[in-house]
Amino acid sequence: MDLSDLISVPAIMPALKANSKKQLLQLLSERAAAISGIPEREVFDTILQ
């Protein structure tokens, strides 16, 4: 399995900047929600677990 099988181009955020861990997780959750169609809050809560 290649890494490209797991990560799509829209999921890559090369210029991502965050001031805190929480902000980073929120930004990642926002992107994952946009790609997957899963509600952002659900993605965020799952990442925190």
Protein backbone atom coordinates (compact mmCIF):
# COMPACT_ATOMS: atom_id res chain seq x y z
CA MET A 1 0.00 0.00 0.00
CA ASP A 2 1.30 3.41 -0.95
CA LEU A 3 0.92 6.54 1.16
CA SER A 4 -1.08 8.05 -1.71
CA ASP A 5 -3.69 5.34 -1.09
CA LEU A 6 -4.28 6.78 2.38
CA ILE A 7 -3.94 10.53 1.81
CA SER A 8 -5.63 12.43 -1.00
CA VAL A 9 -4.25 15.64 -2.48
CA PRO A 10 -7.05 17.81 -0.96
CA ALA A 11 -6.11 16.49 2.49
CA ILE A 12 -2.57 17.89 2.32
CA MET A 13 -2.14 21.24 4.08
CA PRO A 14 1.50 22.30 3.54
CA ALA A 15 1.13 25.88 4.79
CA LEU A 16 -0.89 25.01 7.89
CA LYS A 17 -0.08 27.21 10.86
CA ALA A 18 -1.62 26.92 14.29
CA ASN A 19 -0.95 28.69 17.57
CA SER A 20 -1.99 25.77 19.76
CA LYS A 21 -2.68 22.07 19.69
CA LYS A 22 -6.41 22.74 19.95
CA GLN A 23 -6.34 25.12 16.98
CA LEU A 24 -4.37 22.56 14.96
CA LEU A 25 -6.91 19.84 15.72
CA GLN A 26 -9.78 22.18 14.82
CA LEU A 27 -8.19 22.99 11.46
CA LEU A 28 -7.54 19.32 10.73
CA SER A 29 -11.11 18.47 11.74
CA GLU A 30 -12.47 21.17 9.45
CA ARG A 31 -10.54 19.80 6.47
CA ALA A 32 -11.42 16.17 7.25
CA ALA A 33 -15.10 17.09 7.57
CA ALA A 34 -15.07 18.88 4.22
CA ILE A 35 -13.50 15.86 2.52
CA SER A 36 -15.48 13.12 4.25
CA GLY A 37 -18.88 14.72 4.74
CA ILE A 38 -18.77 13.83 8.44
CA PRO A 39 -19.78 16.71 10.74
CA GLU A 40 -16.78 18.72 11.92
CA ARG A 41 -17.66 18.31 15.60
CA GLU A 42 -17.84 14.53 15.22
CA VAL A 43 -14.40 14.46 13.57
CA PHE A 44 -12.95 16.72 16.28
CA ASP A 45 -14.39 14.61 19.11
CA THR A 46 -13.06 11.43 17.52
CA ILE A 47 -9.56 12.90 17.16
CA LEU A 48 -9.58 13.86 20.84
CA GLN A 49 -10.33 10.30 21.95
